[in-house]
């Protein structure tokens, strides 16, 4: 069976990319909490006319509770244009995580 951290990372790389999200999600796990995971990727920013203006790192903090993954927090750096992306990023991570939970092999 594939390690859970590999399952999570592969699922996010395959299913949450495009529409601003980078397809290179990286996962880490703190040594003190075996049931917690941190996903990191980047969100690419565009201006009002569609030109690329930079990127911001995003972090999704997950926790495994009774065989299901839950979001503990989603964080991103303020982007240079001051556009609030928190709800959109949270919703996309939450949607991807809900689909992953349906296929999870714990």
Protein backbone atom coordinates (compact mmCIF):
# COMPACT_ATOMS: atom_id res chain seq x y z
CA UNK A 1 0.00 0.00 0.00
CA UNK A 2 1.18 3.49 -0.87
CA UNK A 3 2.23 5.75 2.01
CA UNK A 4 -0.54 8.17 2.99
CA UNK A 5 1.68 11.21 2.41
CA UNK A 6 2.40 9.97 -1.14
CA UNK A 7 -1.33 9.39 -1.75
CA UNK A 8 -2.12 12.95 -0.66
CA UNK A 9 0.68 14.56 -2.66
CA UNK A 10 -0.08 12.57 -5.82
CA UNK A 11 -3.81 13.28 -5.57
CA UNK A 12 -3.30 17.03 -5.20
CA UNK A 13 -0.75 17.10 -8.05
CA UNK A 14 -3.19 15.30 -10.34
CA UNK A 15 -6.41 17.06 -9.28
CA UNK A 16 -5.65 20.60 -8.12
CA UNK A 17 -3.70 22.35 -10.84
CA UNK A 18 -4.63 25.00 -13.34
CA UNK A 19 -6.84 28.07 -12.80
CA UNK A 20 -3.92 29.67 -10.98
CA UNK A 21 -2.78 26.65 -8.97
CA UNK A 22 0.70 25.29 -9.65
CA UNK A 23 0.79 21.55 -10.28
CA UNK A 24 3.80 20.95 -8.04
CA UNK A 25 2.37 20.27 -4.57
CA UNK A 26 4.90 19.22 -1.93
CA UNK A 27 3.98 17.50 1.31
CA UNK A 28 5.76 17.46 4.65
CA UNK A 29 4.93 15.95 7.99
CA UNK A 30 6.08 17.28 11.36
CA UNK A 31 8.00 14.76 13.42
CA UNK A 32 5.96 15.58 16.53
CA UNK A 33 2.52 14.96 14.96
CA UNK A 34 2.25 11.82 12.84
CA UNK A 35 -1.36 12.60 11.85
CA UNK A 36 -0.66 16.12 10.52
CA UNK A 37 0.45 17.10 7.04
CA UNK A 38 1.46 20.34 5.36
CA UNK A 39 0.93 20.82 1.63
CA UNK A 40 2.74 23.63 -0.17
CA UNK A 41 2.27 24.95 -3.66
CA UNK A 42 1.98 28.29 -5.46
CA UNK A 43 -0.90 30.33 -6.79
CA UNK A 44 -0.11 32.31 -9.96
CA UNK A 45 -1.53 35.81 -10.15
CA UNK A 46 -2.83 37.68 -13.18
CA UNK A 47 -3.92 41.27 -13.60
CA UNK A 48 -7.27 42.48 -14.90
CA UNK A 49 -6.30 41.98 -18.54
CA UNK A 50 -4.81 38.51 -18.09
CA UNK A 51 -1.10 39.24 -17.79
CA UNK A 52 0.99 37.26 -15.32
CA UNK A 53 2.08 39.46 -12.39
CA UNK A 54 3.66 36.98 -9.97
CA UNK A 55 2.80 34.22 -7.56
CA UNK A 56 2.18 33.61 -3.90
CA UNK A 57 3.00 30.48 -1.89
CA UNK A 58 0.03 28.66 -0.39
CA UNK A 59 -0.02 26.20 2.49
CA UNK A 60 -2.75 23.73 3.43
CA UNK A 61 -2.50 22.22 6.90
CA UNK A 62 -4.29 18.86 7.15
CA UNK A 63 -4.99 16.45 9.97
CA UNK A 64 -5.97 12.78 9.84
CA UNK A 65 -8.81 12.02 12.28
CA UNK A 66 -10.43 8.58 12.34
CA UNK A 67 -9.36 7.76 8.78
CA UNK A 68 -10.40 11.07 7.18
CA UNK A 69 -8.39 14.16 6.36
CA UNK A 70 -9.59 17.54 7.58
CA UNK A 71 -8.32 21.05 6.90
CA UNK A 72 -6.77 22.66 9.95
CA UNK A 73 -5.85 25.87 8.14
CA UNK A 74 -5.09 27.30 4.71
CA UNK A 75 -2.60 30.13 4.49
CA UNK A 76 -1.13 32.24 1.72
CA UNK A 77 1.03 35.34 1.58
CA UNK A 78 -0.71 38.57 0.65
CA UNK A 79 -0.29 39.04 -3.04
CA UNK A 80 1.10 42.27 -4.50
CA UNK A 81 -2.25 43.38 -5.92
CA UNK A 82 -4.02 43.06 -2.58
CA UNK A 83 -6.65 40.71 -3.99
CA UNK A 84 -8.26 38.52 -1.35
CA UNK A 85 -7.93 34.89 -2.42
CA UNK A 86 -8.56 33.13 0.90
CA UNK A 87 -12.09 31.89 0.25
CA UNK A 88 -11.29 30.67 -3.26
CA UNK A 89 -8.13 28.84 -2.19
CA UNK A 90 -9.87 27.31 0.84
CA UNK A 91 -12.83 26.12 -1.25
CA UNK A 92 -10.61 24.54 -3.90
CA UNK A 93 -8.48 22.72 -1.29
CA UNK A 94 -11.62 21.63 0.58
CA UNK A 95 -13.26 20.30 -2.60
CA UNK A 96 -10.12 18.38 -3.58
CA UNK A 97 -9.80 16.99 -0.06
CA UNK A 98 -13.45 15.83 -0.01
CA UNK A 99 -12.87 13.87 -3.22
CA UNK A 100 -9.62 12.44 -1.88
CA UNK A 101 -11.37 11.23 1.29
CA UNK A 102 -13.69 9.11 -0.86
CA UNK A 103 -10.72 7.19 -2.32
CA UNK A 104 -8.38 7.20 0.66
CA UNK A 105 -6.55 4.02 1.61
CA UNK A 106 -5.62 4.37 5.27
